[in-house]
Amino acid sequence: MSVDPHGTGSPQGPQYQQPGMAPPPAMPPMPPMPGGALPASPMPGDIHMVRPERPGTLTAAAVFGFITSAFEIIGGLLWILGGSLVGDLEDAYATGTDYGTLIMLLGLASLVVGGVYIWGGATALKCKTPVLYAACGVGLVLNTVAMVLSEGRNGWLSGVLGLVTLILLAVPASRKF
């Protein structure tokens, strides 16, 4: 017999049942597992099937793609608005030029590039980079045209963000993945 903290003894043998109580029901045996028992740990060949983690530079490139898309879309809407205003002024003063239409087409192209930046950022998060590469290339050309047309006043921010995204995609860690 052992002694509990209160100094009384308690039996160590089998547990006794209270008088007048039925014994607890016995548990049924477990059915056999289909296909046998489960392995205790992964097999050596299974360890190499785990995909490595996405590099931070690739994630940063995708985030920069999303940020650049926002600026491209906002810029595209502003270019369309400005082109409409210029077109109205050209019609009012009968200048015979068609710069307003050119500016509106530039804005429409900027909207499309913004959408491709979103698509490219989403695919880059899935470790597929060609769409984001294409968006960066077309965005850089489009922003260079915007800089030339505006005599260096517009297109800098999206151009720099596109260049940073392109550099992040070209880093060896992003290319190898």
N, C-alpha and C. Protein backbone atom coordinates (compact mmCIF):
# COMPACT_ATOMS: atom_id res chain seq x y z
N MET A 1 0.84 -1.17 0.00
CA MET A 1 0.00 0.00 0.00
C MET A 1 0.88 1.23 0.00
N SER A 2 0.43 2.27 -0.69
CA SER A 2 1.18 3.53 -0.69
C SER A 2 0.43 4.55 0.16
N VAL A 3 1.10 5.61 0.50
CA VAL A 3 0.52 6.62 1.37
C VAL A 3 0.34 7.89 0.55
N ASP A 4 -0.86 8.46 0.58
CA ASP A 4 -1.10 9.72 -0.14
C ASP A 4 -0.72 10.88 0.78
N PRO A 5 -0.79 12.15 0.33
CA PRO A 5 -0.37 13.29 1.14
C PRO A 5 -1.14 13.42 2.44
N HIS A 6 -2.34 12.86 2.56
CA HIS A 6 -3.13 12.99 3.78
C HIS A 6 -2.78 11.90 4.79
N GLY A 7 -1.91 11.00 4.45
CA GLY A 7 -1.49 9.97 5.38
C GLY A 7 -2.33 8.72 5.34
N THR A 8 -3.31 8.63 4.46
CA THR A 8 -4.12 7.42 4.39
C THR A 8 -3.56 6.53 3.31
N GLY A 9 -3.80 5.29 3.40
CA GLY A 9 -3.29 4.33 2.42
C GLY A 9 -4.29 4.13 1.30
N SER A 10 -3.79 3.87 0.10
CA SER A 10 -4.65 3.55 -1.03
C SER A 10 -4.10 2.30 -1.69
N PRO A 11 -4.99 1.42 -2.11
CA PRO A 11 -4.51 0.16 -2.68
C PRO A 11 -3.83 0.39 -4.03
N GLN A 12 -2.77 -0.36 -4.32
CA GLN A 12 -2.05 -0.27 -5.59
C GLN A 12 -2.48 -1.35 -6.57
N GLY A 13 -3.23 -2.29 -6.16
CA GLY A 13 -3.62 -3.40 -7.00
C GLY A 13 -4.69 -2.98 -8.00
N PRO A 14 -5.49 -3.95 -8.45
CA PRO A 14 -6.54 -3.64 -9.41
C PRO A 14 -7.58 -2.71 -8.80
N GLN A 15 -8.16 -1.88 -9.62
CA GLN A 15 -9.16 -0.93 -9.17
C GLN A 15 -10.46 -1.68 -8.85
N TYR A 16 -11.04 -1.35 -7.73
CA TYR A 16 -12.26 -2.01 -7.29
C TYR A 16 -13.45 -1.20 -7.74
N GLN A 17 -14.52 -1.89 -7.99
CA GLN A 17 -15.74 -1.28 -8.46
C GLN A 17 -16.64 -0.98 -7.29
N GLN A 18 -17.43 0.08 -7.40
CA GLN A 18 -18.37 0.41 -6.34
C GLN A 18 -19.49 -0.61 -6.34
N PRO A 19 -20.02 -0.92 -5.18
CA PRO A 19 -21.10 -1.91 -5.12
C PRO A 19 -22.33 -1.39 -5.86
N GLY A 20 -22.98 -2.26 -6.63
CA GLY A 20 -24.21 -1.93 -7.34
C GLY A 20 -23.98 -1.32 -8.71
N MET A 21 -22.75 -1.14 -9.12
CA MET A 21 -22.45 -0.55 -10.44
C MET A 21 -22.06 -1.67 -11.41
N ALA A 22 -22.49 -1.51 -12.65
CA ALA A 22 -22.13 -2.50 -13.67
C ALA A 22 -20.72 -2.21 -14.16
N PRO A 23 -20.00 -3.24 -14.59
CA PRO A 23 -18.64 -2.99 -15.09
C PRO A 23 -18.71 -2.18 -16.39
N PRO A 24 -17.69 -1.35 -16.70
CA PRO A 24 -17.71 -0.55 -17.94
C PRO A 24 -17.64 -1.47 -19.15
N PRO A 25 -18.28 -1.07 -20.25
CA PRO A 25 -18.27 -1.93 -21.43
C PRO A 25 -16.85 -2.00 -22.02
N ALA A 26 -16.54 -3.13 -22.56
CA ALA A 26 -15.23 -3.31 -23.18
C ALA A 26 -15.22 -2.64 -24.55
N MET A 27 -14.09 -2.06 -24.91
CA MET A 27 -13.98 -1.39 -26.21
C MET A 27 -13.74 -2.44 -27.30
N PRO A 28 -14.41 -2.27 -28.45
CA PRO A 28 -14.20 -3.24 -29.53
C PRO A 28 -12.79 -3.08 -30.10
N PRO A 29 -12.25 -4.13 -30.67
CA PRO A 29 -10.90 -4.00 -31.24
C PRO A 29 -10.92 -3.10 -32.47
N MET A 30 -9.79 -2.45 -32.74
CA MET A 30 -9.66 -1.55 -33.90
C MET A 30 -9.64 -2.38 -35.18
N PRO A 31 -10.37 -1.92 -36.21
CA PRO A 31 -10.31 -2.65 -37.49
C PRO A 31 -8.93 -2.46 -38.12
N PRO A 32 -8.50 -3.39 -38.94
CA PRO A 32 -7.18 -3.24 -39.56
C PRO A 32 -7.17 -2.07 -40.54
N MET A 33 -6.03 -1.40 -40.68
CA MET A 33 -5.88 -0.27 -41.60
C MET A 33 -5.84 -0.79 -43.03
N PRO A 34 -6.53 -0.12 -43.95
CA PRO A 34 -6.45 -0.57 -45.35
C PRO A 34 -5.03 -0.31 -45.88
N GLY A 35 -4.47 -1.26 -46.53
CA GLY A 35 -3.15 -1.10 -47.11
C GLY A 35 -2.03 -1.30 -46.11
N GLY A 36 -2.30 -1.72 -44.94
CA GLY A 36 -1.25 -1.97 -43.96
C GLY A 36 -1.02 -0.77 -43.07
N ALA A 37 -0.01 -0.86 -42.26
CA ALA A 37 0.31 0.21 -41.31
C ALA A 37 0.96 1.38 -42.01
N LEU A 38 0.82 2.55 -41.42
CA LEU A 38 1.45 3.75 -41.97
C LEU A 38 2.93 3.77 -41.60
N PRO A 39 3.79 4.30 -42.48
CA PRO A 39 5.21 4.36 -42.13
C PRO A 39 5.44 5.40 -41.04
N ALA A 40 6.47 5.19 -40.25
CA ALA A 40 6.77 6.09 -39.15
C ALA A 40 7.37 7.40 -39.63
N SER A 41 8.06 7.40 -40.75
CA SER A 41 8.69 8.62 -41.27
C SER A 41 8.70 8.55 -42.78
N PRO A 42 8.95 9.69 -43.44
CA PRO A 42 8.97 9.66 -44.91
C PRO A 42 10.11 8.79 -45.42
N MET A 43 9.89 8.23 -46.56
CA MET A 43 10.92 7.42 -47.20
C MET A 43 12.04 8.35 -47.70
N PRO A 44 13.26 7.85 -47.84
CA PRO A 44 14.36 8.72 -48.29
C PRO A 44 14.10 9.41 -49.62
N GLY A 45 13.40 8.77 -50.53
CA GLY A 45 13.12 9.38 -51.83
C GLY A 45 12.09 10.49 -51.74
N ASP A 46 11.24 10.48 -50.70
CA ASP A 46 10.20 11.49 -50.56
C ASP A 46 10.75 12.84 -50.11
N ILE A 47 11.89 12.85 -49.46
CA ILE A 47 12.45 14.09 -48.95
C ILE A 47 12.85 15.02 -50.09
N HIS A 48 13.32 14.48 -51.19
CA HIS A 48 13.76 15.31 -52.31
C HIS A 48 12.61 15.81 -53.16
N MET A 49 11.39 15.35 -52.91
CA MET A 49 10.25 15.82 -53.67
C MET A 49 9.70 17.13 -53.13
N VAL A 50 10.17 17.58 -51.97
CA VAL A 50 9.73 18.84 -51.39
C VAL A 50 10.31 19.98 -52.21
N ARG A 51 9.46 20.91 -52.60
CA ARG A 51 9.91 22.03 -53.42
C ARG A 51 10.61 23.06 -52.55
N PRO A 52 11.73 23.62 -53.02
CA PRO A 52 12.40 24.65 -52.22
C PRO A 52 11.55 25.91 -52.11
N GLU A 53 11.85 26.71 -51.12
CA GLU A 53 11.08 27.92 -50.87
C GLU A 53 11.38 28.98 -51.93
N ARG A 54 10.38 29.77 -52.28
CA ARG A 54 10.53 30.82 -53.29
C ARG A 54 11.49 31.88 -52.76
N PRO A 55 12.46 32.33 -53.57
CA PRO A 55 13.41 33.34 -53.08
C PRO A 55 12.72 34.68 -52.84
N GLY A 56 13.29 35.42 -51.92
CA GLY A 56 12.72 36.73 -51.58
C GLY A 56 12.79 37.72 -52.72
N THR A 57 13.81 37.60 -53.57
CA THR A 57 13.91 38.53 -54.71
C THR A 57 12.77 38.33 -55.69
N LEU A 58 12.33 37.09 -55.84
CA LEU A 58 11.20 36.82 -56.74
C LEU A 58 9.90 37.36 -56.15
N THR A 59 9.74 37.21 -54.85
CA THR A 59 8.56 37.78 -54.18
C THR A 59 8.58 39.30 -54.26
N ALA A 60 9.76 39.90 -54.07
CA ALA A 60 9.88 41.36 -54.17
C ALA A 60 9.58 41.83 -55.59
N ALA A 61 10.02 41.08 -56.59
CA ALA A 61 9.73 41.45 -57.98
C ALA A 61 8.22 41.41 -58.24
N ALA A 62 7.54 40.41 -57.68
CA ALA A 62 6.08 40.33 -57.85
C ALA A 62 5.39 41.51 -57.16
N VAL A 63 5.86 41.87 -55.97
CA VAL A 63 5.27 43.01 -55.26
C VAL A 63 5.52 44.31 -56.03
N PHE A 64 6.74 44.48 -56.54
CA PHE A 64 7.02 45.67 -57.36
C PHE A 64 6.16 45.67 -58.62
N GLY A 65 5.88 44.48 -59.16
CA GLY A 65 4.98 44.40 -60.31
C GLY A 65 3.59 44.90 -59.97
N PHE A 66 3.09 44.53 -58.80
CA PHE A 66 1.77 45.00 -58.38
C PHE A 66 1.77 46.52 -58.16
N ILE A 67 2.83 47.03 -57.54
CA ILE A 67 2.91 48.48 -57.29
C ILE A 67 3.00 49.23 -58.61
N THR A 68 3.82 48.74 -59.53
CA THR A 68 3.96 49.40 -60.83
C THR A 68 2.65 49.36 -61.60
N SER A 69 1.90 48.27 -61.45
CA SER A 69 0.61 48.20 -62.15
C SER A 69 -0.33 49.28 -61.67
N ALA A 70 -0.30 49.58 -60.38
CA ALA A 70 -1.17 50.64 -59.86
C ALA A 70 -0.81 51.98 -60.49
N PHE A 71 0.49 52.27 -60.56
CA PHE A 71 0.90 53.55 -61.16
C PHE A 71 0.62 53.58 -62.66
N GLU A 72 0.77 52.45 -63.33
CA GLU A 72 0.46 52.40 -64.77
C GLU A 72 -1.03 52.63 -65.02
N ILE A 73 -1.87 52.02 -64.19
CA ILE A 73 -3.31 52.19 -64.39
C ILE A 73 -3.74 53.62 -64.08
N ILE A 74 -3.24 54.17 -62.98
CA ILE A 74 -3.58 55.57 -62.65
C ILE A 74 -3.05 56.51 -63.73
N GLY A 75 -1.81 56.27 -64.15
CA GLY A 75 -1.23 57.10 -65.22
C GLY A 75 -2.00 56.96 -66.52
N GLY A 76 -2.42 55.74 -66.84
CA GLY A 76 -3.19 55.53 -68.06
C GLY A 76 -4.51 56.28 -68.04
N LEU A 77 -5.19 56.26 -66.88
CA LEU A 77 -6.44 57.02 -66.78
C LEU A 77 -6.20 58.52 -66.93
N LEU A 78 -5.10 59.00 -66.34
CA LEU A 78 -4.78 60.43 -66.47
C LEU A 78 -4.39 60.79 -67.91
N TRP A 79 -3.66 59.90 -68.58
CA TRP A 79 -3.31 60.15 -69.99
C TRP A 79 -4.58 60.20 -70.85
N ILE A 80 -5.51 59.30 -70.61
CA ILE A 80 -6.76 59.31 -71.38
C ILE A 80 -7.54 60.59 -71.12
N LEU A 81 -7.60 61.00 -69.86
CA LEU A 81 -8.29 62.25 -69.52
C LEU A 81 -7.60 63.44 -70.18
N GLY A 82 -6.29 63.48 -70.09
CA GLY A 82 -5.53 64.58 -70.72
C GLY A 82 -5.65 64.58 -72.23
N GLY A 83 -5.62 63.39 -72.84
CA GLY A 83 -5.78 63.30 -74.29
C GLY A 83 -7.15 63.76 -74.74
N SER A 84 -8.15 63.46 -73.95
CA SER A 84 -9.50 63.94 -74.27
C SER A 84 -9.57 65.45 -74.22
N LEU A 85 -8.95 66.03 -73.21
CA LEU A 85 -8.93 67.48 -73.07
C LEU A 85 -8.16 68.13 -74.23
N VAL A 86 -7.01 67.55 -74.58
CA VAL A 86 -6.23 68.09 -75.69
C VAL A 86 -7.00 67.95 -77.00
N GLY A 87 -7.68 66.83 -77.19
CA GLY A 87 -8.48 66.63 -78.39
C GLY A 87 -9.60 67.66 -78.50
N ASP A 88 -10.25 67.97 -77.37
CA ASP A 88 -11.30 68.99 -77.38
C ASP A 88 -10.73 70.36 -77.71
N LEU A 89 -9.55 70.67 -77.15
CA LEU A 89 -8.92 71.96 -77.47
C LEU A 89 -8.49 72.03 -78.93
N GLU A 90 -8.02 70.91 -79.48
CA GLU A 90 -7.64 70.88 -80.90
C GLU A 90 -8.87 71.12 -81.78
N ASP A 91 -9.99 70.53 -81.40
CA ASP A 91 -11.22 70.74 -82.18
C ASP A 91 -11.73 72.16 -82.04
N ALA A 92 -11.62 72.73 -80.85
CA ALA A 92 -12.13 74.08 -80.62
C ALA A 92 -11.35 75.12 -81.39
N TYR A 93 -10.03 74.94 -81.46
CA TYR A 93 -9.19 75.92 -82.15
C TYR A 93 -8.84 75.51 -83.57
N ALA A 94 -9.39 74.38 -84.04
CA ALA A 94 -9.20 73.89 -85.40
C ALA A 94 -7.73 73.89 -85.79
N THR A 95 -6.92 73.26 -84.98
CA THR A 95 -5.48 73.23 -85.25
C THR A 95 -5.12 72.22 -86.33
N GLY A 96 -5.94 71.21 -86.54
CA GLY A 96 -5.67 70.21 -87.56
C GLY A 96 -4.69 69.14 -87.08
N THR A 97 -4.22 69.22 -85.86
CA THR A 97 -3.33 68.19 -85.33
C THR A 97 -4.16 67.11 -84.63
N ASP A 98 -3.52 66.01 -84.35
CA ASP A 98 -4.23 64.90 -83.72
C ASP A 98 -3.45 64.36 -82.52
N TYR A 99 -2.89 65.27 -81.73
CA TYR A 99 -2.11 64.86 -80.56
C TYR A 99 -3.00 64.27 -79.47
N GLY A 100 -4.20 64.73 -79.37
CA GLY A 100 -5.12 64.21 -78.35
C GLY A 100 -5.37 62.72 -78.52
N THR A 101 -5.55 62.29 -79.76
CA THR A 101 -5.75 60.86 -80.01
C THR A 101 -4.50 60.07 -79.67
N LEU A 102 -3.33 60.61 -80.00
CA LEU A 102 -2.07 59.94 -79.69
C LEU A 102 -1.90 59.78 -78.17
N ILE A 103 -2.23 60.84 -77.44
CA ILE A 103 -2.12 60.79 -75.98
C ILE A 103 -3.12 59.78 -75.40
N MET A 104 -4.32 59.73 -75.95
CA MET A 104 -5.32 58.76 -75.47
C MET A 104 -4.88 57.33 -75.77
N LEU A 105 -4.27 57.09 -76.92
CA LEU A 105 -3.76 55.76 -77.24
C LEU A 105 -2.62 55.37 -76.29
N LEU A 106 -1.80 56.35 -75.93
CA LEU A 106 -0.75 56.10 -74.95
C LEU A 106 -1.35 55.71 -73.60
N GLY A 107 -2.42 56.38 -73.22
CA GLY A 107 -3.10 56.04 -71.96
C GLY A 107 -3.73 54.66 -72.01
N LEU A 108 -4.32 54.30 -73.15
CA LEU A 108 -4.90 52.97 -73.30
C LEU A 108 -3.82 51.90 -73.22
N ALA A 109 -2.68 52.16 -73.87
CA ALA A 109 -1.57 51.21 -73.79
C ALA A 109 -1.07 51.08 -72.35
N SER A 110 -1.06 52.18 -71.62
CA SER A 110 -0.64 52.16 -70.23
C SER A 110 -1.61 51.33 -69.38
N LEU A 111 -2.89 51.42 -69.65
CA LEU A 111 -3.87 50.59 -68.94
C LEU A 111 -3.64 49.10 -69.21
N VAL A 112 -3.36 48.77 -70.47
CA VAL A 112 -3.11 47.37 -70.83
C VAL A 112 -1.84 46.88 -70.15
N VAL A 113 -0.79 47.69 -70.15
CA VAL A 113 0.46 47.29 -69.49
C VAL A 113 0.24 47.13 -67.99
N GLY A 114 -0.58 47.97 -67.39
CA GLY A 114 -0.90 47.81 -65.97
C GLY A 114 -1.58 46.48 -65.69
N GLY A 115 -2.48 46.08 -66.56
CA GLY A 115 -3.12 44.77 -66.40
C GLY A 115 -2.14 43.63 -66.57
N VAL A 116 -1.21 43.77 -67.51
CA VAL A 116 -0.20 42.72 -67.71
C VAL A 116 0.75 42.67 -66.52
N TYR A 117 1.04 43.82 -65.90
CA TYR A 117 1.85 43.82 -64.68
C TYR A 117 1.17 43.02 -63.56
N ILE A 118 -0.14 43.16 -63.42
CA ILE A 118 -0.87 42.39 -62.41
C ILE A 118 -0.79 40.90 -62.73
N TRP A 119 -1.00 40.55 -63.97
CA TRP A 119 -0.94 39.16 -64.40
C TRP A 119 0.48 38.62 -64.17
N GLY A 120 1.48 39.42 -64.53
CA GLY A 120 2.87 38.99 -64.35
C GLY A 120 3.24 38.83 -62.88
N GLY A 121 2.74 39.72 -62.01
CA GLY A 121 3.01 39.58 -60.58
C GLY A 121 2.37 38.32 -60.02
N ALA A 122 1.17 38.01 -60.47
CA ALA A 122 0.50 36.80 -59.98
C ALA A 122 1.22 35.54 -60.46
N THR A 123 1.69 35.54 -61.71
CA THR A 123 2.41 34.36 -62.19
C THR A 123 3.80 34.27 -61.56
N ALA A 124 4.40 35.41 -61.22
CA ALA A 124 5.71 35.37 -60.55
C ALA A 124 5.59 34.77 -59.16
N LEU A 125 4.47 34.97 -58.50
CA LEU A 125 4.26 34.33 -57.21
C LEU A 125 4.13 32.81 -57.35
N LYS A 126 3.79 32.35 -58.54
CA LYS A 126 3.75 30.92 -58.83
C LYS A 126 5.06 30.46 -59.45
N CYS A 127 6.09 31.32 -59.39
CA CYS A 127 7.45 31.02 -59.86
C CYS A 127 7.54 30.89 -61.37
N LYS A 128 6.70 31.61 -62.09
CA LYS A 128 6.77 31.67 -63.56
C LYS A 128 6.94 33.14 -63.93
N THR A 129 8.08 33.49 -64.52
CA THR A 129 8.43 34.90 -64.68
C THR A 129 8.30 35.48 -66.09
N PRO A 130 8.07 34.74 -67.16
CA PRO A 130 8.08 35.37 -68.49
C PRO A 130 7.07 36.50 -68.67
N VAL A 131 5.91 36.40 -68.07
CA VAL A 131 4.90 37.46 -68.25
C VAL A 131 5.37 38.75 -67.58
N LEU A 132 5.99 38.65 -66.42
CA LEU A 132 6.48 39.84 -65.73
C LEU A 132 7.67 40.44 -66.48
N TYR A 133 8.51 39.59 -67.08
CA TYR A 133 9.60 40.10 -67.93
C TYR A 133 9.02 40.91 -69.09
N ALA A 134 7.99 40.36 -69.74
CA ALA A 134 7.37 41.05 -70.88
C ALA A 134 6.73 42.36 -70.43
N ALA A 135 6.05 42.35 -69.30
CA ALA A 135 5.42 43.57 -68.80
C ALA A 135 6.47 44.64 -68.50
N CYS A 136 7.60 44.23 -67.92
CA CYS A 136 8.66 45.20 -67.63
C CYS A 136 9.23 45.79 -68.92
N GLY A 137 9.46 44.93 -69.91
CA GLY A 137 10.01 45.42 -71.18
C GLY A 137 9.07 46.38 -71.89
N VAL A 138 7.82 46.00 -72.01
CA VAL A 138 6.84 46.87 -72.69
C VAL A 138 6.61 48.13 -71.86
N GLY A 139 6.59 47.99 -70.54
CA GLY A 139 6.40 49.17 -69.68
C GLY A 139 7.56 50.14 -69.80
N LEU A 140 8.78 49.63 -69.88
CA LEU A 140 9.93 50.53 -70.05
C LEU A 140 9.87 51.27 -71.38
N VAL A 141 9.49 50.56 -72.46
CA VAL A 141 9.36 51.23 -73.76
C VAL A 141 8.25 52.27 -73.71
N LEU A 142 7.12 51.92 -73.14
CA LEU A 142 5.99 52.85 -73.05
C LEU A 142 6.34 54.08 -72.22
N ASN A 143 7.03 53.89 -71.12
CA ASN A 143 7.40 55.03 -70.28
C ASN A 143 8.50 55.87 -70.93
N THR A 144 9.35 55.26 -71.73
CA THR A 144 10.34 56.04 -72.49
C THR A 144 9.64 56.91 -73.52
N VAL A 145 8.63 56.37 -74.19
CA VAL A 145 7.85 57.17 -75.14
C VAL A 145 7.14 58.30 -74.40
N ALA A 146 6.60 58.02 -73.23
CA ALA A 146 5.93 59.06 -72.44
C ALA A 146 6.91 60.15 -72.03
N MET A 147 8.14 59.76 -71.69
CA MET A 147 9.15 60.76 -71.32
C MET A 147 9.52 61.62 -72.51
N VAL A 148 9.63 61.01 -73.68
CA VAL A 148 9.98 61.77 -74.88
C VAL A 148 8.85 62.73 -75.25
N LEU A 149 7.62 62.25 -75.21
CA LEU A 149 6.48 63.11 -75.57
C LEU A 149 6.28 64.26 -74.58
N SER A 150 6.55 64.01 -73.32
CA SER A 150 6.33 65.05 -72.32
C SER A 150 7.61 65.82 -72.00
N GLU A 151 8.63 65.63 -72.81
CA GLU A 151 9.91 66.32 -72.64
C GLU A 151 10.52 66.04 -71.26
N GLY A 152 10.42 64.79 -70.82
CA GLY A 152 11.07 64.36 -69.59
C GLY A 152 10.30 64.61 -68.31
N ARG A 153 9.05 65.00 -68.40
CA ARG A 153 8.29 65.30 -67.18
C ARG A 153 7.45 64.12 -66.68
N ASN A 154 7.08 63.20 -67.55
CA ASN A 154 6.18 62.10 -67.17
C ASN A 154 6.83 60.75 -67.46
N GLY A 155 6.41 59.75 -66.72
CA GLY A 155 6.85 58.39 -66.97
C GLY A 155 8.05 57.93 -66.16
N TRP A 156 8.60 58.81 -65.32
CA TRP A 156 9.79 58.45 -64.56
C TRP A 156 9.51 57.39 -63.50
N LEU A 157 8.48 57.59 -62.73
CA LEU A 157 8.22 56.69 -61.61
C LEU A 157 7.96 55.26 -62.09
N SER A 158 7.07 55.09 -63.03
CA SER A 158 6.78 53.75 -63.54
C SER A 158 7.98 53.16 -64.26
N GLY A 159 8.77 54.02 -64.91
CA GLY A 159 9.98 53.54 -65.57
C GLY A 159 11.01 53.02 -64.58
N VAL A 160 11.21 53.74 -63.50
CA VAL A 160 12.17 53.31 -62.47
C VAL A 160 11.67 52.04 -61.78
N LEU A 161 10.38 51.99 -61.46
CA LEU A 161 9.83 50.79 -60.82
C LEU A 161 9.93 49.58 -61.75
N GLY A 162 9.69 49.78 -63.03
CA GLY A 162 9.84 48.69 -63.99
C GLY A 162 11.28 48.21 -64.09
N LEU A 163 12.22 49.15 -64.04
CA LEU A 163 13.64 48.79 -64.08
C LEU A 163 14.05 48.02 -62.82
N VAL A 164 13.58 48.45 -61.65
CA VAL A 164 13.88 47.74 -60.41
C VAL A 164 13.28 46.33 -60.46
N THR A 165 12.08 46.19 -60.98
CA THR A 165 11.46 44.87 -61.10
C THR A 165 12.27 43.98 -62.03
N LEU A 166 12.73 44.55 -63.13
CA LEU A 166 13.55 43.79 -64.08
C LEU A 166 14.87 43.35 -63.45
N ILE A 167 15.48 44.22 -62.66
CA ILE A 167 16.73 43.86 -61.98
C ILE A 167 16.48 42.74 -60.96
N LEU A 168 15.38 42.82 -60.22
CA LEU A 168 15.06 41.76 -59.25
C LEU A 168 14.81 40.42 -59.94
N LEU A 169 14.24 40.47 -61.13
CA LEU A 169 14.01 39.23 -61.86
C LEU A 169 15.32 38.66 -62.42
N ALA A 170 16.28 39.53 -62.68
CA ALA A 170 17.55 39.09 -63.27
C ALA A 170 18.56 38.61 -62.24
N VAL A 171 18.29 38.79 -60.96
CA VAL A 171 19.20 38.32 -59.90
C VAL A 171 19.30 36.80 -60.01
N PRO A 172 20.51 36.23 -59.83
CA PRO A 172 20.67 34.77 -59.99
C PRO A 172 19.72 33.93 -59.13
N ALA A 173 19.38 34.38 -57.94
CA ALA A 173 18.46 33.59 -57.10
C ALA A 173 17.09 33.47 -57.75
N SER A 174 16.63 34.54 -58.40
CA SER A 174 15.32 34.49 -59.08
C SER A 174 15.39 33.67 -60.36
N ARG A 175 16.51 33.78 -61.08
CA ARG A 175 16.63 33.06 -62.34
C ARG A 175 16.75 31.55 -62.14
N LYS A 176 17.44 31.12 -61.08
CA LYS A 176 17.64 29.69 -60.86
C LYS A 176 16.37 29.01 -60.38
N PHE A 177 15.48 29.76 -59.79
CA PHE A 177 14.28 29.16 -59.26
C PHE A 177 13.29 29.04 -60.37
